[in-house]
Amino acid sequence: MKKVLAFFVALMFAFPAIKGQENMFDLGDKVISVGLGIGNTLYIGGSGYSTMVPPISISFEQAVVDDIFEKGVLGVGGSFGYTSFKYRYNFDNQDWGWNYHNIILGAGALLHYPLLDRLDTYLGTMLGYNWSTIAEYGDTGDNIADSAEGFVFAGFIGGRYYFTEQFAAFAQLGYGVAYLTLGVSIRL
């Protein structure tokens, strides 16, 4: 992941001499994004694990500083993520398992830099808080509920391709609620 981020930063420094790119994220712009994740980062997977609700995310971002490295723009914002999965196993001829539900609220910063026309490329980081509820159950009827919580960190790279001035599709790769998130963005 560090190599991917380093490559992206190197690209940002390699392109300032090219003058044709249109900045798709300007000072004062506000963007809302809704995404669906592929590859849940909150559980390892494997035998017994399955997804109940895939990772979903909603985020808001506003451009607050421009002219970073000539064309770059810094955005700040918040995000909400949710996912749930289950783990099942058989012990002593009884079915046992857990249901996990994760809610993540976070705030972060994103550095945008135009590399191609109509494509808003960025790298970002987020610090969030993860609330997890865990429900254990078994054939005996014993149900136990528990919760866990803690801080989470996310680092990612991504891009939004604008089909119109307000509507874009995005892809984001990194470590957050999902390894890959695909979705749509609306510029307000």
C-alpha atoms as a PDB file:
ATOM      1  CA  MET A   1       0.000   0.000   0.000  1.00  0.00           C
ATOM      2  CA  LYS A   2       2.855   2.390   0.788  1.00  0.00           C
ATOM      3  CA  LYS A   3       4.300   1.788  -2.682  1.00  0.00           C
ATOM      4  CA  VAL A   4       0.962   2.652  -4.312  1.00  0.00           C
ATOM      5  CA  LEU A   5       0.707   5.906  -2.342  1.00  0.00           C
ATOM      6  CA  ALA A   6       4.328   6.804  -3.170  1.00  0.00           C
ATOM      7  CA  PHE A   7       3.654   6.152  -6.867  1.00  0.00           C
ATOM      8  CA  PHE A   8       0.585   8.414  -6.783  1.00  0.00           C
ATOM      9  CA  VAL A   9       2.516  11.241  -5.090  1.00  0.00           C
ATOM     10  CA  ALA A  10       5.303  10.871  -7.681  1.00  0.00           C
ATOM     11  CA  LEU A  11       2.713  11.165 -10.457  1.00  0.00           C
ATOM     12  CA  MET A  12       1.374  14.375  -8.931  1.00  0.00           C
ATOM     13  CA  PHE A  13       4.852  15.921  -9.065  1.00  0.00           C
ATOM     14  CA  ALA A  14       5.479  14.656 -12.607  1.00  0.00           C
ATOM     15  CA  PHE A  15       2.432  16.336 -14.142  1.00  0.00           C
ATOM     16  CA  PRO A  16       2.650  20.051 -13.165  1.00  0.00           C
ATOM     17  CA  ALA A  17       4.341  20.895 -16.465  1.00  0.00           C
ATOM     18  CA  ILE A  18       1.307  19.657 -18.428  1.00  0.00           C
ATOM     19  CA  LYS A  19      -1.129  22.575 -18.678  1.00  0.00           C
ATOM     20  CA  GLY A  20      -4.202  20.928 -20.217  1.00  0.00           C
ATOM     21  CA  GLN A  21      -5.865  19.395 -17.160  1.00  0.00           C
ATOM     22  CA  GLU A  22      -9.040  20.989 -15.899  1.00  0.00           C
ATOM     23  CA  ASN A  23      -9.388  21.082 -12.120  1.00  0.00           C
ATOM     24  CA  MET A  24     -12.585  19.178 -11.236  1.00  0.00           C
ATOM     25  CA  PHE A  25     -12.482  20.086  -7.528  1.00  0.00           C
ATOM     26  CA  ASP A  26     -12.171  23.805  -6.794  1.00  0.00           C
ATOM     27  CA  LEU A  27     -12.080  25.936  -3.670  1.00  0.00           C
ATOM     28  CA  GLY A  28     -15.529  25.973  -2.055  1.00  0.00           C
ATOM     29  CA  ASP A  29     -16.836  22.912  -3.910  1.00  0.00           C
ATOM     30  CA  LYS A  30     -18.902  20.453  -1.861  1.00  0.00           C
ATOM     31  CA  VAL A  31     -19.285  16.802  -2.854  1.00  0.00           C
ATOM     32  CA  ILE A  32     -21.463  14.003  -1.461  1.00  0.00           C
ATOM     33  CA  SER A  33     -20.506  10.425  -2.344  1.00  0.00           C
ATOM     34  CA  VAL A  34     -22.266   7.094  -1.828  1.00  0.00           C
ATOM     35  CA  GLY A  35     -20.297   3.889  -2.295  1.00  0.00           C
ATOM     36  CA  LEU A  36     -20.414   0.115  -2.088  1.00  0.00           C
ATOM     37  CA  GLY A  37     -17.292  -1.706  -0.917  1.00  0.00           C
ATOM     38  CA  ILE A  38     -15.634  -4.839  -2.186  1.00  0.00           C
ATOM     39  CA  GLY A  39     -13.339  -6.722   0.192  1.00  0.00           C
ATOM     40  CA  ASN A  40     -14.245  -6.024   3.806  1.00  0.00           C
ATOM     41  CA  THR A  41     -11.256  -4.873   5.905  1.00  0.00           C
ATOM     42  CA  LEU A  42     -12.917  -5.531   9.267  1.00  0.00           C
ATOM     43  CA  TYR A  43     -12.751  -9.312   9.221  1.00  0.00           C
ATOM     44  CA  ILE A  44     -10.265 -11.781   7.846  1.00  0.00           C
ATOM     45  CA  GLY A  45     -12.663 -14.077   6.056  1.00  0.00           C
ATOM     46  CA  GLY A  46     -12.173 -17.731   5.432  1.00  0.00           C
ATOM     47  CA  SER A  47     -14.147 -20.762   6.487  1.00  0.00           C
ATOM     48  CA  GLY A  48     -17.282 -19.878   8.397  1.00  0.00           C
ATOM     49  CA  TYR A  49     -17.317 -16.157   7.561  1.00  0.00           C
ATOM     50  CA  SER A  50     -19.894 -14.586   5.263  1.00  0.00           C
ATOM     51  CA  THR A  51     -21.153 -11.085   4.544  1.00  0.00           C
ATOM     52  CA  MET A  52     -24.609 -10.071   5.699  1.00  0.00           C
ATOM     53  CA  VAL A  53     -24.433  -6.443   4.449  1.00  0.00           C
ATOM     54  CA  PRO A  54     -21.505  -5.435   2.228  1.00  0.00           C
ATOM     55  CA  PRO A  55     -19.531  -2.328   3.200  1.00  0.00           C
ATOM     56  CA  ILE A  56     -21.504   0.821   2.352  1.00  0.00           C
ATOM     57  CA  SER A  57     -20.311   4.388   2.801  1.00  0.00           C
ATOM     58  CA  ILE A  58     -21.593   7.934   2.611  1.00  0.00           C
ATOM     59  CA  SER A  59     -19.189  10.859   2.671  1.00  0.00           C
ATOM     60  CA  PHE A  60     -19.199  14.635   2.442  1.00  0.00           C
ATOM     61  CA  GLU A  61     -16.214  16.763   1.452  1.00  0.00           C
ATOM     62  CA  GLN A  62     -15.518  20.464   0.959  1.00  0.00           C
ATOM     63  CA  ALA A  63     -12.520  22.085  -0.745  1.00  0.00           C
ATOM     64  CA  VAL A  64     -10.802  24.420   1.741  1.00  0.00           C
ATOM     65  CA  VAL A  65      -7.325  25.246   0.353  1.00  0.00           C
ATOM     66  CA  ASP A  66      -6.218  25.587  -3.271  1.00  0.00           C
ATOM     67  CA  ASP A  67      -2.974  26.172  -5.194  1.00  0.00           C
ATOM     68  CA  ILE A  68      -1.142  23.302  -3.500  1.00  0.00           C
ATOM     69  CA  PHE A  69       1.680  22.261  -5.866  1.00  0.00           C
ATOM     70  CA  GLU A  70       0.206  24.777  -8.369  1.00  0.00           C
ATOM     71  CA  LYS A  71      -3.049  22.909  -9.142  1.00  0.00           C
ATOM     72  CA  GLY A  72      -3.751  20.854  -6.024  1.00  0.00           C
ATOM     73  CA  VAL A  73      -6.711  21.337  -3.712  1.00  0.00           C
ATOM     74  CA  LEU A  74      -7.114  20.210  -0.105  1.00  0.00           C
ATOM     75  CA  GLY A  75     -10.530  18.933   0.918  1.00  0.00           C
ATOM     76  CA  VAL A  76     -11.818  18.033   4.372  1.00  0.00           C
ATOM     77  CA  GLY A  77     -14.913  16.126   5.318  1.00  0.00           C
ATOM     78  CA  GLY A  78     -16.646  13.361   7.140  1.00  0.00           C
ATOM     79  CA  SER A  79     -17.796   9.850   6.374  1.00  0.00           C
ATOM     80  CA  PHE A  80     -20.163   7.166   7.603  1.00  0.00           C
ATOM     81  CA  GLY A  81     -19.639   3.471   6.926  1.00  0.00           C
ATOM     82  CA  TYR A  82     -21.603   0.331   7.785  1.00  0.00           C
ATOM     83  CA  THR A  83     -21.053  -3.366   7.258  1.00  0.00           C
ATOM     84  CA  SER A  84     -22.116  -6.600   8.897  1.00  0.00           C
ATOM     85  CA  PHE A  85     -20.927 -10.177   8.661  1.00  0.00           C
ATOM     86  CA  LYS A  86     -21.400 -13.459  10.412  1.00  0.00           C
ATOM     87  CA  TYR A  87     -19.243 -16.336  11.545  1.00  0.00           C
ATOM     88  CA  ARG A  88     -20.707 -19.838  11.970  1.00  0.00           C
ATOM     89  CA  TYR A  89     -19.224 -23.089  13.255  1.00  0.00           C
ATOM     90  CA  ASN A  90     -20.369 -26.440  14.589  1.00  0.00           C
ATOM     91  CA  PHE A  91     -19.267 -27.550  18.052  1.00  0.00           C
ATOM     92  CA  ASP A  92     -20.468 -30.670  19.852  1.00  0.00           C
ATOM     93  CA  ASN A  93     -23.178 -31.188  17.202  1.00  0.00           C
ATOM     94  CA  GLN A  94     -24.568 -27.713  17.842  1.00  0.00           C
ATOM     95  CA  ASP A  95     -24.513 -24.679  15.572  1.00  0.00           C
ATOM     96  CA  TRP A  96     -22.790 -21.637  17.081  1.00  0.00           C
ATOM     97  CA  GLY A  97     -21.774 -18.308  15.743  1.00  0.00           C
ATOM     98  CA  TRP A  98     -21.572 -14.546  15.921  1.00  0.00           C
ATOM     99  CA  ASN A  99     -23.183 -11.685  14.053  1.00  0.00           C
ATOM    100  CA  TYR A 100     -21.020  -8.561  13.770  1.00  0.00           C
ATOM    101  CA  HIS A 101     -22.362  -5.088  12.943  1.00  0.00           C
ATOM    102  CA  ASN A 102     -19.870  -2.241  12.420  1.00  0.00           C
ATOM    103  CA  ILE A 103     -20.640   1.484  12.256  1.00  0.00           C
ATOM    104  CA  ILE A 104     -17.743   3.805  11.478  1.00  0.00           C
ATOM    105  CA  LEU A 105     -17.833   7.612  11.717  1.00  0.00           C
ATOM    106  CA  GLY A 106     -14.752   9.493  10.599  1.00  0.00           C
ATOM    107  CA  ALA A 107     -13.182  12.757   9.524  1.00  0.00           C
ATOM    108  CA  GLY A 108     -10.391  13.158   7.047  1.00  0.00           C
ATOM    109  CA  ALA A 109      -8.402  15.178   4.569  1.00  0.00           C
ATOM    110  CA  LEU A 110      -7.942  14.579   0.847  1.00  0.00           C
ATOM    111  CA  LEU A 111      -5.375  16.067  -1.525  1.00  0.00           C
ATOM    112  CA  HIS A 112      -6.790  16.446  -5.054  1.00  0.00           C
ATOM    113  CA  TYR A 113      -4.606  16.920  -8.091  1.00  0.00           C
ATOM    114  CA  PRO A 114      -5.769  16.954 -11.743  1.00  0.00           C
ATOM    115  CA  LEU A 115      -3.970  14.429 -13.927  1.00  0.00           C
ATOM    116  CA  LEU A 116      -6.502  14.012 -16.756  1.00  0.00           C
ATOM    117  CA  ASP A 117      -9.458  16.088 -17.965  1.00  0.00           C
ATOM    118  CA  ARG A 118     -12.763  15.260 -16.244  1.00  0.00           C
ATOM    119  CA  LEU A 119     -10.929  13.039 -13.721  1.00  0.00           C
ATOM    120  CA  ASP A 120     -10.578  14.270 -10.142  1.00  0.00           C
ATOM    121  CA  THR A 121      -7.717  12.208  -8.677  1.00  0.00           C
ATOM    122  CA  TYR A 122      -6.944  12.273  -4.964  1.00  0.00           C
ATOM    123  CA  LEU A 123      -5.232  10.630  -2.046  1.00  0.00           C
ATOM    124  CA  GLY A 124      -6.509  10.846   1.475  1.00  0.00           C
ATOM    125  CA  THR A 125      -6.494   9.771   5.051  1.00  0.00           C
ATOM    126  CA  MET A 126      -9.220   9.393   7.656  1.00  0.00           C
ATOM    127  CA  LEU A 127      -9.384   8.925  11.401  1.00  0.00           C
ATOM    128  CA  GLY A 128     -12.603   7.378  12.600  1.00  0.00           C
ATOM    129  CA  TYR A 129     -14.321   5.565  15.390  1.00  0.00           C
ATOM    130  CA  ASN A 130     -15.726   2.052  14.988  1.00  0.00           C
ATOM    131  CA  TRP A 131     -18.701   0.888  17.033  1.00  0.00           C
ATOM    132  CA  SER A 132     -19.202  -2.877  16.799  1.00  0.00           C
ATOM    133  CA  THR A 133     -21.961  -4.994  18.207  1.00  0.00           C
ATOM    134  CA  ILE A 134     -21.428  -8.714  18.508  1.00  0.00           C
ATOM    135  CA  ALA A 135     -24.248 -11.174  19.130  1.00  0.00           C
ATOM    136  CA  GLU A 136     -23.360 -14.767  19.970  1.00  0.00           C
ATOM    137  CA  TYR A 137     -25.923 -17.502  19.647  1.00  0.00           C
ATOM    138  CA  GLY A 138     -26.166 -21.263  19.881  1.00  0.00           C
ATOM    139  CA  ASP A 139     -28.666 -24.094  19.483  1.00  0.00           C
ATOM    140  CA  THR A 140     -29.182 -24.101  23.228  1.00  0.00           C
ATOM    141  CA  GLY A 141     -30.957 -20.751  23.025  1.00  0.00           C
ATOM    142  CA  ASP A 142     -28.187 -18.954  24.902  1.00  0.00           C
ATOM    143  CA  ASN A 143     -27.737 -15.543  23.308  1.00  0.00           C
ATOM    144  CA  ILE A 144     -25.026 -13.162  24.413  1.00  0.00           C
ATOM    145  CA  ALA A 145     -24.636  -9.590  23.158  1.00  0.00           C
ATOM    146  CA  ASP A 146     -21.448  -7.616  23.468  1.00  0.00           C
ATOM    147  CA  SER A 147     -19.889  -4.547  21.928  1.00  0.00           C
ATOM    148  CA  ALA A 148     -16.461  -3.316  21.033  1.00  0.00           C
ATOM    149  CA  GLU A 149     -15.265   0.056  19.927  1.00  0.00           C
ATOM    150  CA  GLY A 150     -12.090   1.825  18.999  1.00  0.00           C
ATOM    151  CA  PHE A 151     -10.307   4.180  16.671  1.00  0.00           C
ATOM    152  CA  VAL A 152      -9.668   3.201  13.061  1.00  0.00           C
ATOM    153  CA  PHE A 153      -7.335   4.712  10.493  1.00  0.00           C
ATOM    154  CA  ALA A 154      -7.813   4.730   6.731  1.00  0.00           C
ATOM    155  CA  GLY A 155      -5.494   5.636   3.873  1.00  0.00           C
ATOM    156  CA  PHE A 156      -6.637   5.589   0.245  1.00  0.00           C
ATOM    157  CA  ILE A 157      -6.224   6.797  -3.326  1.00  0.00           C
ATOM    158  CA  GLY A 158      -9.045   7.358  -5.735  1.00  0.00           C
ATOM    159  CA  GLY A 159     -10.596   9.182  -8.608  1.00  0.00           C
ATOM    160  CA  ARG A 160     -13.931  10.647  -9.642  1.00  0.00           C
ATOM    161  CA  TYR A 161     -14.783  10.745 -13.318  1.00  0.00           C
ATOM    162  CA  TYR A 162     -17.272  13.553 -14.028  1.00  0.00           C
ATOM    163  CA  PHE A 163     -19.851  12.765 -16.704  1.00  0.00           C
ATOM    164  CA  THR A 164     -21.443  16.200 -16.133  1.00  0.00           C
ATOM    165  CA  GLU A 165     -20.458  19.199 -14.007  1.00  0.00           C
ATOM    166  CA  GLN A 166     -22.346  17.721 -11.041  1.00  0.00           C
ATOM    167  CA  PHE A 167     -22.376  13.918 -11.485  1.00  0.00           C
ATOM    168  CA  ALA A 168     -19.397  11.553 -11.221  1.00  0.00           C
ATOM    169  CA  ALA A 169     -18.590   7.882 -10.727  1.00  0.00           C
ATOM    170  CA  PHE A 170     -15.755   7.115  -8.333  1.00  0.00           C
ATOM    171  CA  ALA A 171     -13.367   4.320  -7.423  1.00  0.00           C
ATOM    172  CA  GLN A 172     -11.306   4.337  -4.252  1.00  0.00           C
ATOM    173  CA  LEU A 173      -8.580   1.879  -3.305  1.00  0.00           C
ATOM    174  CA  GLY A 174      -7.081   1.601   0.152  1.00  0.00           C
ATOM    175  CA  TYR A 175      -7.677   0.573   3.711  1.00  0.00           C
ATOM    176  CA  GLY A 176     -10.927   1.723   5.306  1.00  0.00           C
ATOM    177  CA  VAL A 177     -14.208  -0.143   5.602  1.00  0.00           C
ATOM    178  CA  ALA A 178     -13.378  -1.857   2.260  1.00  0.00           C
ATOM    179  CA  TYR A 179     -10.315  -2.404   0.104  1.00  0.00           C
ATOM    180  CA  LEU A 180     -12.119  -1.127  -3.000  1.00  0.00           C
ATOM    181  CA  THR A 181     -15.123   1.193  -2.992  1.00  0.00           C
ATOM    182  CA  LEU A 182     -17.161   2.027  -6.105  1.00  0.00           C
ATOM    183  CA  GLY A 183     -19.941   4.576  -6.211  1.00  0.00           C
ATOM    184  CA  VAL A 184     -21.340   7.886  -7.351  1.00  0.00           C
ATOM    185  CA  SER A 185     -20.635  11.485  -6.347  1.00  0.00           C
ATOM    186  CA  ILE A 186     -22.760  14.616  -6.620  1.00  0.00           C
ATOM    187  CA  ARG A 187     -21.190  18.075  -6.575  1.00  0.00           C
ATOM    188  CA  LEU A 188     -23.464  20.544  -4.771  1.00  0.00           C
END
